[in-house]
Amino acid sequence: MRRFLILLMLLPVGLISRAQESEDQSSPGKVSAKIYTNFNTSLNREAPSTAFEVRRAYFGYQRNLDNHFSAEVKLDIGSIDDLSEFSMIRRYTYFKNAYLSYRKGKVKSWIGLFDMLQFKIQENFWGYRYLFRSYMDEYRFGPSADLGAGIQYTPSKRISTDLIISNGEGYKNPQYDNVYKVGTGITFYPLPGLTLRGYYTINTSENPQMIIAGFIGYRCEKFRIGGEYIYQKNYRFNKDHNRYGYSIYSTYAFSEKWELFARYDQLYSNKLPEDEIPWNLAKDGSAIISGIQFTPVKYLHVALNYKDWVQYAQNGDSEPFLFLNFEIVF
């Protein structure tokens, strides 16, 4: 494993030593930004609340170094820990991306801090990241970006494979140990509009955390529907502490500027032999998101939507909210 990791890490370095300088170095690159902001109101009569929020802002710069090499840096400005009750009060800036990429023919590779591929296709298919994160991201099945190295091979238009070795702690944390995360996936496009993907990850530890995930999605001109199932073993390296669940989502675009969307999630944990209830029952539950999106101009999305989280615990709460979300991209 260590030898393979070293070879994978040195791959882009070896490619650099053989690369020829581009004839045209005048490209200024591309600056990009995304802003997620909203107004929300609680529909819970026992704990009413309203708020204006700026949930996230991304600022990035990407440049092609020559015909094969490119580099990108992106800053993520947001909460240090979304699980904290007070996490939205303060803002911190992180490097979300800072990597070198090489692409030639059917092969693409990365080294540095880059987006993980474990739920990238699902996130793009869901399409409403500014409203609600994709399933594995929302329920902490893995970080959206991490430090490491990866390679993707696309032999044809119908199939793509990928392999990534990363620290496993995510882009907000440095490497604290000698444990690495290995992830591999395969994506099929058997028919026009149909996407199938399977993904597997494992950490190199005594009680390895493992994830098996599957996704199926279909899209046509005005409609798309997708579903994914995830099983996680040894959550945070705790033996036999497992989580699993699924997410189903759909969108119908009835004009160029208007879309209807809906999503339903379920999250479960298993019972340990010595317990009578699931070990993570306090955080098990289901979520529903539905609403309508309006795109008045190319770089602006506006969505009025309903969100609710229902805890499965006997005395669990329901958390219904009405949101007006905005995504600004430029």
C-alpha atoms as a PDB file:
ATOM      1  CA  MET A   1       0.000   0.000   0.000  1.00  0.00           C
ATOM      2  CA  ARG A   2       2.769   2.461   0.929  1.00  0.00           C
ATOM      3  CA  ARG A   3       4.666   1.758  -2.302  1.00  0.00           C
ATOM      4  CA  PHE A   4       1.513   2.290  -4.337  1.00  0.00           C
ATOM      5  CA  LEU A   5       0.777   5.526  -2.468  1.00  0.00           C
ATOM      6  CA  ILE A   6       4.279   6.852  -3.175  1.00  0.00           C
ATOM      7  CA  LEU A   7       4.011   5.974  -6.879  1.00  0.00           C
ATOM      8  CA  LEU A   8       0.601   7.647  -7.136  1.00  0.00           C
ATOM      9  CA  MET A   9       1.838  10.774  -5.372  1.00  0.00           C
ATOM     10  CA  LEU A  10       4.885  11.005  -7.665  1.00  0.00           C
ATOM     11  CA  LEU A  11       2.913  10.472 -10.882  1.00  0.00           C
ATOM     12  CA  PRO A  12       2.176  14.153 -11.559  1.00  0.00           C
ATOM     13  CA  VAL A  13       5.775  15.055 -10.625  1.00  0.00           C
ATOM     14  CA  GLY A  14       7.120  12.638 -13.210  1.00  0.00           C
ATOM     15  CA  LEU A  15       4.707  13.993 -15.786  1.00  0.00           C
ATOM     16  CA  ILE A  16       5.847  17.548 -15.073  1.00  0.00           C
ATOM     17  CA  SER A  17       9.465  16.634 -15.739  1.00  0.00           C
ATOM     18  CA  ARG A  18       8.484  15.383 -19.207  1.00  0.00           C
ATOM     19  CA  ALA A  19       6.004  18.103 -20.104  1.00  0.00           C
ATOM     20  CA  GLN A  20       6.856  20.657 -22.754  1.00  0.00           C
ATOM     21  CA  GLU A  21       6.173  24.300 -22.199  1.00  0.00           C
ATOM     22  CA  SER A  22       3.037  25.591 -23.852  1.00  0.00           C
ATOM     23  CA  GLU A  23       3.406  27.861 -26.839  1.00  0.00           C
ATOM     24  CA  ASP A  24       0.762  30.183 -25.456  1.00  0.00           C
ATOM     25  CA  GLN A  25       1.205  31.326 -21.836  1.00  0.00           C
ATOM     26  CA  SER A  26      -0.977  34.405 -22.166  1.00  0.00           C
ATOM     27  CA  SER A  27      -4.163  32.880 -20.722  1.00  0.00           C
ATOM     28  CA  PRO A  28      -5.163  34.883 -17.629  1.00  0.00           C
ATOM     29  CA  GLY A  29      -7.130  32.013 -16.090  1.00  0.00           C
ATOM     30  CA  LYS A  30     -10.640  32.141 -14.689  1.00  0.00           C
ATOM     31  CA  VAL A  31     -11.941  33.723 -11.492  1.00  0.00           C
ATOM     32  CA  SER A  32     -15.122  32.264 -10.019  1.00  0.00           C
ATOM     33  CA  ALA A  33     -17.398  32.804  -7.046  1.00  0.00           C
ATOM     34  CA  LYS A  34     -20.510  31.302  -5.455  1.00  0.00           C
ATOM     35  CA  ILE A  35     -22.646  32.766  -2.701  1.00  0.00           C
ATOM     36  CA  TYR A  36     -25.383  30.915  -0.795  1.00  0.00           C
ATOM     37  CA  THR A  37     -27.773  33.112   1.153  1.00  0.00           C
ATOM     38  CA  ASN A  38     -31.328  32.689   2.439  1.00  0.00           C
ATOM     39  CA  PHE A  39     -34.187  33.833   4.594  1.00  0.00           C
ATOM     40  CA  ASN A  40     -35.878  31.149   6.693  1.00  0.00           C
ATOM     41  CA  THR A  41     -38.696  30.853   9.187  1.00  0.00           C
ATOM     42  CA  SER A  42     -39.514  27.968  11.510  1.00  0.00           C
ATOM     43  CA  LEU A  43     -42.988  26.436  11.277  1.00  0.00           C
ATOM     44  CA  ASN A  44     -42.669  24.906  14.739  1.00  0.00           C
ATOM     45  CA  ARG A  45     -45.051  26.797  17.019  1.00  0.00           C
ATOM     46  CA  GLU A  46     -43.194  25.752  20.155  1.00  0.00           C
ATOM     47  CA  ALA A  47     -39.875  27.207  18.970  1.00  0.00           C
ATOM     48  CA  PRO A  48     -40.555  29.890  16.344  1.00  0.00           C
ATOM     49  CA  SER A  49     -37.590  31.621  14.723  1.00  0.00           C
ATOM     50  CA  THR A  50     -36.689  33.630  11.631  1.00  0.00           C
ATOM     51  CA  ALA A  51     -33.311  34.590  10.238  1.00  0.00           C
ATOM     52  CA  PHE A  52     -31.336  35.968   7.319  1.00  0.00           C
ATOM     53  CA  GLU A  53     -28.221  33.889   6.645  1.00  0.00           C
ATOM     54  CA  VAL A  54     -25.211  33.689   4.381  1.00  0.00           C
ATOM     55  CA  ARG A  55     -24.446  29.992   4.594  1.00  0.00           C
ATOM     56  CA  ARG A  56     -21.424  29.838   2.332  1.00  0.00           C
ATOM     57  CA  ALA A  57     -19.221  31.722  -0.090  1.00  0.00           C
ATOM     58  CA  TYR A  58     -16.643  30.254  -2.460  1.00  0.00           C
ATOM     59  CA  PHE A  59     -13.971  32.193  -4.307  1.00  0.00           C
ATOM     60  CA  GLY A  60     -11.652  30.459  -6.761  1.00  0.00           C
ATOM     61  CA  TYR A  61      -9.081  30.835  -9.493  1.00  0.00           C
ATOM     62  CA  GLN A  62      -8.310  28.237 -12.158  1.00  0.00           C
ATOM     63  CA  ARG A  63      -5.687  28.344 -14.896  1.00  0.00           C
ATOM     64  CA  ASN A  64      -4.513  26.027 -17.637  1.00  0.00           C
ATOM     65  CA  LEU A  65      -0.719  25.819 -17.453  1.00  0.00           C
ATOM     66  CA  ASP A  66      -0.419  24.188 -20.865  1.00  0.00           C
ATOM     67  CA  ASN A  67      -2.390  21.717 -22.972  1.00  0.00           C
ATOM     68  CA  HIS A  68      -2.334  19.080 -20.216  1.00  0.00           C
ATOM     69  CA  PHE A  69      -1.648  20.729 -16.869  1.00  0.00           C
ATOM     70  CA  SER A  70      -3.966  22.990 -14.914  1.00  0.00           C
ATOM     71  CA  ALA A  71      -4.149  24.272 -11.344  1.00  0.00           C
ATOM     72  CA  GLU A  72      -6.932  25.576  -9.149  1.00  0.00           C
ATOM     73  CA  VAL A  73      -7.241  27.255  -5.779  1.00  0.00           C
ATOM     74  CA  LYS A  74     -10.596  27.834  -4.066  1.00  0.00           C
ATOM     75  CA  LEU A  75     -11.473  29.416  -0.729  1.00  0.00           C
ATOM     76  CA  ASP A  76     -14.447  28.246   1.323  1.00  0.00           C
ATOM     77  CA  ILE A  77     -15.852  30.814   3.747  1.00  0.00           C
ATOM     78  CA  GLY A  78     -18.315  29.348   6.210  1.00  0.00           C
ATOM     79  CA  SER A  79     -18.879  27.747   9.569  1.00  0.00           C
ATOM     80  CA  ILE A  80     -16.111  25.851  11.333  1.00  0.00           C
ATOM     81  CA  ASP A  81     -18.493  23.081  12.375  1.00  0.00           C
ATOM     82  CA  ASP A  82     -22.031  22.819  11.064  1.00  0.00           C
ATOM     83  CA  LEU A  83     -22.953  20.455  13.881  1.00  0.00           C
ATOM     84  CA  SER A  84     -22.526  23.116  16.546  1.00  0.00           C
ATOM     85  CA  GLU A  85     -25.527  25.083  17.754  1.00  0.00           C
ATOM     86  CA  PHE A  86     -23.519  28.293  17.412  1.00  0.00           C
ATOM     87  CA  SER A  87     -21.620  27.322  14.260  1.00  0.00           C
ATOM     88  CA  MET A  88     -23.313  29.915  12.046  1.00  0.00           C
ATOM     89  CA  ILE A  89     -22.336  32.856  14.259  1.00  0.00           C
ATOM     90  CA  ARG A  90     -18.675  32.960  13.215  1.00  0.00           C
ATOM     91  CA  ARG A  91     -17.070  32.537   9.824  1.00  0.00           C
ATOM     92  CA  TYR A  92     -13.752  30.919   8.955  1.00  0.00           C
ATOM     93  CA  THR A  93     -11.842  30.682   5.691  1.00  0.00           C
ATOM     94  CA  TYR A  94     -10.437  27.395   4.446  1.00  0.00           C
ATOM     95  CA  PHE A  95      -8.699  26.155   1.348  1.00  0.00           C
ATOM     96  CA  LYS A  96     -11.382  24.043  -0.310  1.00  0.00           C
ATOM     97  CA  ASN A  97      -9.177  23.306  -3.326  1.00  0.00           C
ATOM     98  CA  ALA A  98      -5.473  23.751  -3.986  1.00  0.00           C
ATOM     99  CA  TYR A  99      -4.299  21.197  -6.497  1.00  0.00           C
ATOM    100  CA  LEU A 100      -2.475  20.381  -9.708  1.00  0.00           C
ATOM    101  CA  SER A 101      -4.306  18.449 -12.408  1.00  0.00           C
ATOM    102  CA  TYR A 102      -3.031  16.565 -15.447  1.00  0.00           C
ATOM    103  CA  ARG A 103      -5.215  15.433 -18.331  1.00  0.00           C
ATOM    104  CA  LYS A 104      -4.182  13.568 -21.451  1.00  0.00           C
ATOM    105  CA  GLY A 105      -6.426  11.456 -23.589  1.00  0.00           C
ATOM    106  CA  LYS A 106      -8.436   9.080 -21.418  1.00  0.00           C
ATOM    107  CA  VAL A 107      -6.530   9.768 -18.190  1.00  0.00           C
ATOM    108  CA  LYS A 108      -6.918  12.558 -15.640  1.00  0.00           C
ATOM    109  CA  SER A 109      -5.026  12.827 -12.342  1.00  0.00           C
ATOM    110  CA  TRP A 110      -4.920  15.173  -9.349  1.00  0.00           C
ATOM    111  CA  ILE A 111      -2.562  15.859  -6.490  1.00  0.00           C
ATOM    112  CA  GLY A 112      -3.126  18.271  -3.602  1.00  0.00           C
ATOM    113  CA  LEU A 113      -6.406  19.339  -2.037  1.00  0.00           C
ATOM    114  CA  PHE A 114      -9.237  18.489  -4.433  1.00  0.00           C
ATOM    115  CA  ASP A 115     -12.889  17.422  -4.536  1.00  0.00           C
ATOM    116  CA  MET A 116     -13.538  13.785  -3.656  1.00  0.00           C
ATOM    117  CA  LEU A 117     -15.502  11.675  -6.131  1.00  0.00           C
ATOM    118  CA  GLN A 118     -17.512   9.557  -3.683  1.00  0.00           C
ATOM    119  CA  PHE A 119     -20.643  11.683  -4.098  1.00  0.00           C
ATOM    120  CA  LYS A 120     -19.723  14.204  -6.810  1.00  0.00           C
ATOM    121  CA  ILE A 121     -21.977  12.659  -9.452  1.00  0.00           C
ATOM    122  CA  GLN A 122     -24.881  12.454  -6.988  1.00  0.00           C
ATOM    123  CA  GLU A 123     -24.361  16.085  -5.943  1.00  0.00           C
ATOM    124  CA  ASN A 124     -24.402  17.292  -9.552  1.00  0.00           C
ATOM    125  CA  PHE A 125     -27.443  15.164 -10.328  1.00  0.00           C
ATOM    126  CA  TRP A 126     -29.343  16.497  -7.294  1.00  0.00           C
ATOM    127  CA  GLY A 127     -28.438  19.973  -8.537  1.00  0.00           C
ATOM    128  CA  TYR A 128     -29.519  22.072  -5.534  1.00  0.00           C
ATOM    129  CA  ARG A 129     -26.403  22.182  -3.376  1.00  0.00           C
ATOM    130  CA  TYR A 130     -27.243  25.720  -2.251  1.00  0.00           C
ATOM    131  CA  LEU A 131     -30.481  24.415  -0.683  1.00  0.00           C
ATOM    132  CA  PHE A 132     -29.311  21.173   0.872  1.00  0.00           C
ATOM    133  CA  ARG A 133     -26.155  19.108   0.632  1.00  0.00           C
ATOM    134  CA  SER A 134     -26.197  15.717  -1.059  1.00  0.00           C
ATOM    135  CA  TYR A 135     -26.872  12.697   1.170  1.00  0.00           C
ATOM    136  CA  MET A 136     -23.323  11.592   2.039  1.00  0.00           C
ATOM    137  CA  ASP A 137     -22.218  15.179   2.593  1.00  0.00           C
ATOM    138  CA  GLU A 138     -25.214  16.141   4.746  1.00  0.00           C
ATOM    139  CA  TYR A 139     -24.978  13.141   7.075  1.00  0.00           C
ATOM    140  CA  ARG A 140     -21.174  13.070   7.313  1.00  0.00           C
ATOM    141  CA  PHE A 141     -20.385   9.905   5.399  1.00  0.00           C
ATOM    142  CA  GLY A 142     -17.242  11.548   4.067  1.00  0.00           C
ATOM    143  CA  PRO A 143     -15.647  14.940   3.345  1.00  0.00           C
ATOM    144  CA  SER A 144     -16.403  16.748   0.099  1.00  0.00           C
ATOM    145  CA  ALA A 145     -12.693  17.544  -0.408  1.00  0.00           C
ATOM    146  CA  ASP A 146      -9.475  16.128   1.000  1.00  0.00           C
ATOM    147  CA  LEU A 147      -5.690  16.063   0.626  1.00  0.00           C
ATOM    148  CA  GLY A 148      -4.375  13.261  -1.514  1.00  0.00           C
ATOM    149  CA  ALA A 149      -3.844  11.993  -5.018  1.00  0.00           C
ATOM    150  CA  GLY A 150      -6.222  10.475  -7.524  1.00  0.00           C
ATOM    151  CA  ILE A 151      -6.527   9.154 -11.034  1.00  0.00           C
ATOM    152  CA  GLN A 152      -9.498   8.699 -13.366  1.00  0.00           C
ATOM    153  CA  TYR A 153      -9.548   6.550 -16.478  1.00  0.00           C
ATOM    154  CA  THR A 154     -12.316   6.889 -19.072  1.00  0.00           C
ATOM    155  CA  PRO A 155     -11.851   4.235 -21.763  1.00  0.00           C
ATOM    156  CA  SER A 156     -15.096   5.116 -23.536  1.00  0.00           C
ATOM    157  CA  LYS A 157     -18.154   7.346 -23.335  1.00  0.00           C
ATOM    158  CA  ARG A 158     -20.024   4.589 -21.496  1.00  0.00           C
ATOM    159  CA  ILE A 159     -17.656   3.837 -18.636  1.00  0.00           C
ATOM    160  CA  SER A 160     -15.320   5.639 -16.243  1.00  0.00           C
ATOM    161  CA  THR A 161     -13.213   4.358 -13.330  1.00  0.00           C
ATOM    162  CA  ASP A 162     -11.453   6.249 -10.541  1.00  0.00           C
ATOM    163  CA  LEU A 163      -9.096   5.653  -7.635  1.00  0.00           C
ATOM    164  CA  ILE A 164      -8.235   8.116  -4.833  1.00  0.00           C
ATOM    165  CA  ILE A 165      -5.921   7.871  -1.834  1.00  0.00           C
ATOM    166  CA  SER A 166      -6.421  10.655   0.711  1.00  0.00           C
ATOM    167  CA  ASN A 167      -5.798  11.587   4.335  1.00  0.00           C
ATOM    168  CA  GLY A 168      -9.422  10.939   5.224  1.00  0.00           C
ATOM    169  CA  GLU A 169      -9.803  13.873   7.643  1.00  0.00           C
ATOM    170  CA  GLY A 170     -11.216  16.305   5.088  1.00  0.00           C
ATOM    171  CA  TYR A 171     -10.152  19.741   3.938  1.00  0.00           C
ATOM    172  CA  LYS A 172     -10.657  21.436   7.328  1.00  0.00           C
ATOM    173  CA  ASN A 173      -8.249  19.148   9.206  1.00  0.00           C
ATOM    174  CA  PRO A 174      -4.575  18.240   8.772  1.00  0.00           C
ATOM    175  CA  GLN A 175      -3.244  14.684   8.816  1.00  0.00           C
ATOM    176  CA  TYR A 176      -2.907  13.519  12.433  1.00  0.00           C
ATOM    177  CA  ASP A 177      -1.953   9.866  11.918  1.00  0.00           C
ATOM    178  CA  ASN A 178      -0.734   7.286   9.426  1.00  0.00           C
ATOM    179  CA  VAL A 179      -4.267   6.234   8.479  1.00  0.00           C
ATOM    180  CA  TYR A 180      -5.245   6.809   4.854  1.00  0.00           C
ATOM    181  CA  LYS A 181      -8.515   6.501   3.013  1.00  0.00           C
ATOM    182  CA  VAL A 182      -8.720   4.561  -0.240  1.00  0.00           C
ATOM    183  CA  GLY A 183     -11.716   4.999  -2.511  1.00  0.00           C
ATOM    184  CA  THR A 184     -12.526   3.458  -5.857  1.00  0.00           C
ATOM    185  CA  GLY A 185     -15.537   3.868  -8.091  1.00  0.00           C
ATOM    186  CA  ILE A 186     -16.950   2.888 -11.444  1.00  0.00           C
ATOM    187  CA  THR A 187     -19.563   4.771 -13.472  1.00  0.00           C
ATOM    188  CA  PHE A 188     -21.638   3.406 -16.348  1.00  0.00           C
ATOM    189  CA  TYR A 189     -23.682   5.241 -18.966  1.00  0.00           C
ATOM    190  CA  PRO A 190     -25.409   2.256 -20.633  1.00  0.00           C
ATOM    191  CA  LEU A 191     -28.180   4.271 -22.303  1.00  0.00           C
ATOM    192  CA  PRO A 192     -28.709   7.937 -23.194  1.00  0.00           C
ATOM    193  CA  GLY A 193     -29.671   9.792 -20.017  1.00  0.00           C
ATOM    194  CA  LEU A 194     -29.027   6.829 -17.686  1.00  0.00           C
ATOM    195  CA  THR A 195     -26.218   6.878 -15.090  1.00  0.00           C
ATOM    196  CA  LEU A 196     -25.151   4.009 -12.828  1.00  0.00           C
ATOM    197  CA  ARG A 197     -22.390   4.335 -10.223  1.00  0.00           C
ATOM    198  CA  GLY A 198     -20.883   2.154  -7.527  1.00  0.00           C
ATOM    199  CA  TYR A 199     -18.349   3.354  -4.948  1.00  0.00           C
ATOM    200  CA  TYR A 200     -16.313   1.731  -2.173  1.00  0.00           C
ATOM    201  CA  THR A 201     -14.036   3.308   0.451  1.00  0.00           C
ATOM    202  CA  ILE A 202     -11.953   1.874   3.271  1.00  0.00           C
ATOM    203  CA  ASN A 203      -9.566   3.360   5.833  1.00  0.00           C
ATOM    204  CA  THR A 204      -6.263   1.676   6.604  1.00  0.00           C
ATOM    205  CA  SER A 205      -6.852   1.188  10.339  1.00  0.00           C
ATOM    206  CA  GLU A 206      -7.399  -1.616  12.874  1.00  0.00           C
ATOM    207  CA  ASN A 207     -11.194  -1.265  12.739  1.00  0.00           C
ATOM    208  CA  PRO A 208     -11.485   0.128   9.231  1.00  0.00           C
ATOM    209  CA  GLN A 209     -14.375   2.397   8.410  1.00  0.00           C
ATOM    210  CA  MET A 210     -15.915   1.208   5.152  1.00  0.00           C
ATOM    211  CA  ILE A 211     -18.571   2.588   2.838  1.00  0.00           C
ATOM    212  CA  ILE A 212     -20.433   0.929  -0.005  1.00  0.00           C
ATOM    213  CA  ALA A 213     -22.608   3.223  -2.112  1.00  0.00           C
ATOM    214  CA  GLY A 214     -24.724   2.832  -5.204  1.00  0.00           C
ATOM    215  CA  PHE A 215     -26.479   5.390  -7.400  1.00  0.00           C
ATOM    216  CA  ILE A 216     -28.883   5.268 -10.330  1.00  0.00           C
ATOM    217  CA  GLY A 217     -30.170   8.310 -12.179  1.00  0.00           C
ATOM    218  CA  TYR A 218     -32.090   9.114 -15.326  1.00  0.00           C
ATOM    219  CA  ARG A 219     -32.507  12.461 -17.022  1.00  0.00           C
ATOM    220  CA  CYS A 220     -34.207  13.746 -20.149  1.00  0.00           C
ATOM    221  CA  GLU A 221     -34.910  17.243 -21.449  1.00  0.00           C
ATOM    222  CA  LYS A 222     -37.375  18.323 -18.740  1.00  0.00           C
ATOM    223  CA  PHE A 223     -37.209  15.603 -16.119  1.00  0.00           C
ATOM    224  CA  ARG A 224     -34.665  13.825 -13.935  1.00  0.00           C
ATOM    225  CA  ILE A 225     -34.928  11.304 -11.119  1.00  0.00           C
ATOM    226  CA  GLY A 226     -32.202   9.720  -9.029  1.00  0.00           C
ATOM    227  CA  GLY A 227     -31.713   7.508  -6.022  1.00  0.00           C
ATOM    228  CA  GLU A 228     -28.774   6.344  -3.917  1.00  0.00           C
ATOM    229  CA  TYR A 229     -28.189   3.824  -1.139  1.00  0.00           C
ATOM    230  CA  ILE A 230     -25.286   4.003   1.341  1.00  0.00           C
ATOM    231  CA  TYR A 231     -24.008   1.537   3.926  1.00  0.00           C
ATOM    232  CA  GLN A 232     -21.251   2.520   6.362  1.00  0.00           C
ATOM    233  CA  LYS A 233     -19.489   0.018   8.637  1.00  0.00           C
ATOM    234  CA  ASN A 234     -17.499   0.913  11.782  1.00  0.00           C
ATOM    235  CA  TYR A 235     -18.500   4.555  11.937  1.00  0.00           C
ATOM    236  CA  ARG A 236     -15.540   6.646  13.105  1.00  0.00           C
ATOM    237  CA  PHE A 237     -13.597   3.398  13.673  1.00  0.00           C
ATOM    238  CA  ASN A 238     -16.045   2.129  16.311  1.00  0.00           C
ATOM    239  CA  LYS A 239     -16.453  -1.596  15.702  1.00  0.00           C
ATOM    240  CA  ASP A 240     -19.927  -2.716  14.578  1.00  0.00           C
ATOM    241  CA  HIS A 241     -21.328   0.839  14.790  1.00  0.00           C
ATOM    242  CA  ASN A 242     -22.983   0.944  11.370  1.00  0.00           C
ATOM    243  CA  ARG A 243     -25.157   3.453   9.544  1.00  0.00           C
ATOM    244  CA  TYR A 244     -27.195   3.130   6.375  1.00  0.00           C
ATOM    245  CA  GLY A 245     -29.917   4.853   4.418  1.00  0.00           C
ATOM    246  CA  TYR A 246     -31.089   6.175   1.098  1.00  0.00           C
ATOM    247  CA  SER A 247     -32.080   9.308  -0.760  1.00  0.00           C
ATOM    248  CA  ILE A 248     -34.527   9.787  -3.650  1.00  0.00           C
ATOM    249  CA  TYR A 249     -34.856  13.038  -5.588  1.00  0.00           C
ATOM    250  CA  SER A 250     -36.565  14.334  -8.694  1.00  0.00           C
ATOM    251  CA  THR A 251     -36.918  17.511 -10.750  1.00  0.00           C
ATOM    252  CA  TYR A 252     -39.347  18.646 -13.416  1.00  0.00           C
ATOM    253  CA  ALA A 253     -38.522  21.733 -15.491  1.00  0.00           C
ATOM    254  CA  PHE A 254     -41.746  23.066 -16.946  1.00  0.00           C
ATOM    255  CA  SER A 255     -39.989  26.018 -18.618  1.00  0.00           C
ATOM    256  CA  GLU A 256     -36.483  27.375 -19.088  1.00  0.00           C
ATOM    257  CA  LYS A 257     -36.729  29.393 -15.871  1.00  0.00           C
ATOM    258  CA  TRP A 258     -38.985  27.342 -13.591  1.00  0.00           C
ATOM    259  CA  GLU A 259     -38.389  23.965 -11.936  1.00  0.00           C
ATOM    260  CA  LEU A 260     -40.234  21.852  -9.389  1.00  0.00           C
ATOM    261  CA  PHE A 261     -38.131  19.584  -7.163  1.00  0.00           C
ATOM    262  CA  ALA A 262     -38.546  17.122  -4.293  1.00  0.00           C
ATOM    263  CA  ARG A 263     -36.300  14.900  -2.205  1.00  0.00           C
ATOM    264  CA  TYR A 264     -36.745  12.331   0.552  1.00  0.00           C
ATOM    265  CA  ASP A 265     -33.962  10.954   2.820  1.00  0.00           C
ATOM    266  CA  GLN A 266     -33.857   8.250   5.463  1.00  0.00           C
ATOM    267  CA  LEU A 267     -30.977   7.608   7.883  1.00  0.00           C
ATOM    268  CA  TYR A 268     -30.691   4.596  10.209  1.00  0.00           C
ATOM    269  CA  SER A 269     -28.209   3.011  12.614  1.00  0.00           C
ATOM    270  CA  ASN A 270     -27.998  -0.610  13.785  1.00  0.00           C
ATOM    271  CA  LYS A 271     -28.658  -2.099  17.212  1.00  0.00           C
ATOM    272  CA  LEU A 272     -25.651  -3.350  19.147  1.00  0.00           C
ATOM    273  CA  PRO A 273     -26.053  -6.788  20.812  1.00  0.00           C
ATOM    274  CA  GLU A 274     -26.130  -5.278  24.300  1.00  0.00           C
ATOM    275  CA  ASP A 275     -28.621  -2.501  23.435  1.00  0.00           C
ATOM    276  CA  GLU A 276     -32.374  -2.395  22.871  1.00  0.00           C
ATOM    277  CA  ILE A 277     -32.354   0.656  20.610  1.00  0.00           C
ATOM    278  CA  PRO A 278     -30.087   1.735  17.731  1.00  0.00           C
ATOM    279  CA  TRP A 279     -26.829   3.238  18.972  1.00  0.00           C
ATOM    280  CA  ASN A 280     -27.351   6.485  17.005  1.00  0.00           C
ATOM    281  CA  LEU A 281     -31.123   6.792  17.410  1.00  0.00           C
ATOM    282  CA  ALA A 282     -30.904  10.446  18.489  1.00  0.00           C
ATOM    283  CA  LYS A 283     -29.608  11.320  15.010  1.00  0.00           C
ATOM    284  CA  ASP A 284     -31.615   8.809  12.981  1.00  0.00           C
ATOM    285  CA  GLY A 285     -34.500  10.237  11.037  1.00  0.00           C
ATOM    286  CA  SER A 286     -35.953  11.304   7.726  1.00  0.00           C
ATOM    287  CA  ALA A 287     -35.845  14.528   5.752  1.00  0.00           C
ATOM    288  CA  ILE A 288     -38.085  15.984   3.087  1.00  0.00           C
ATOM    289  CA  ILE A 289     -37.282  18.916   0.817  1.00  0.00           C
ATOM    290  CA  SER A 290     -39.637  20.239  -1.834  1.00  0.00           C
ATOM    291  CA  GLY A 291     -40.163  23.494  -3.635  1.00  0.00           C
ATOM    292  CA  ILE A 292     -39.860  25.555  -6.779  1.00  0.00           C
ATOM    293  CA  GLN A 293     -36.819  27.203  -8.346  1.00  0.00           C
ATOM    294  CA  PHE A 294     -36.792  30.342 -10.495  1.00  0.00           C
ATOM    295  CA  THR A 295     -33.820  31.374 -12.640  1.00  0.00           C
ATOM    296  CA  PRO A 296     -34.390  35.007 -13.683  1.00  0.00           C
ATOM    297  CA  VAL A 297     -30.885  35.367 -15.154  1.00  0.00           C
ATOM    298  CA  LYS A 298     -28.089  32.914 -15.943  1.00  0.00           C
ATOM    299  CA  TYR A 299     -26.084  33.558 -12.771  1.00  0.00           C
ATOM    300  CA  LEU A 300     -28.916  33.622 -10.231  1.00  0.00           C
ATOM    301  CA  HIS A 301     -31.117  30.876  -8.775  1.00  0.00           C
ATOM    302  CA  VAL A 302     -33.977  31.564  -6.368  1.00  0.00           C
ATOM    303  CA  ALA A 303     -35.900  28.793  -4.610  1.00  0.00           C
ATOM    304  CA  LEU A 304     -38.897  28.807  -2.303  1.00  0.00           C
ATOM    305  CA  ASN A 305     -38.876  25.490  -0.457  1.00  0.00           C
ATOM    306  CA  TYR A 306     -40.114  23.499   2.507  1.00  0.00           C
ATOM    307  CA  LYS A 307     -37.727  21.427   4.640  1.00  0.00           C
ATOM    308  CA  ASP A 308     -38.499  19.089   7.491  1.00  0.00           C
ATOM    309  CA  TRP A 309     -36.432  16.700   9.602  1.00  0.00           C
ATOM    310  CA  VAL A 310     -38.244  14.070  11.668  1.00  0.00           C
ATOM    311  CA  GLN A 311     -36.324  12.209  14.373  1.00  0.00           C
ATOM    312  CA  TYR A 312     -37.064   8.504  14.810  1.00  0.00           C
ATOM    313  CA  ALA A 313     -36.617   8.575  18.585  1.00  0.00           C
ATOM    314  CA  GLN A 314     -39.884   8.134  20.498  1.00  0.00           C
ATOM    315  CA  ASN A 315     -39.675  11.662  21.893  1.00  0.00           C
ATOM    316  CA  GLY A 316     -37.957  13.061  18.821  1.00  0.00           C
ATOM    317  CA  ASP A 317     -38.743  16.449  17.354  1.00  0.00           C
ATOM    318  CA  SER A 318     -39.910  17.596  13.965  1.00  0.00           C
ATOM    319  CA  GLU A 319     -38.048  20.564  12.478  1.00  0.00           C
ATOM    320  CA  PRO A 320     -40.187  22.118   9.703  1.00  0.00           C
ATOM    321  CA  PHE A 321     -38.858  25.257   7.996  1.00  0.00           C
ATOM    322  CA  LEU A 322     -39.813  27.459   5.094  1.00  0.00           C
ATOM    323  CA  PHE A 323     -36.805  28.783   3.147  1.00  0.00           C
ATOM    324  CA  LEU A 324     -36.208  31.372   0.449  1.00  0.00           C
ATOM    325  CA  ASN A 325     -32.764  30.512  -0.923  1.00  0.00           C
ATOM    326  CA  PHE A 326     -30.506  32.377  -3.330  1.00  0.00           C
ATOM    327  CA  GLU A 327     -27.475  31.135  -5.255  1.00  0.00           C
ATOM    328  CA  ILE A 328     -25.304  33.714  -7.013  1.00  0.00           C
ATOM    329  CA  VAL A 329     -22.648  32.394  -9.378  1.00  0.00           C
ATOM    330  CA  PHE A 330     -20.138  34.490 -11.293  1.00  0.00           C
END
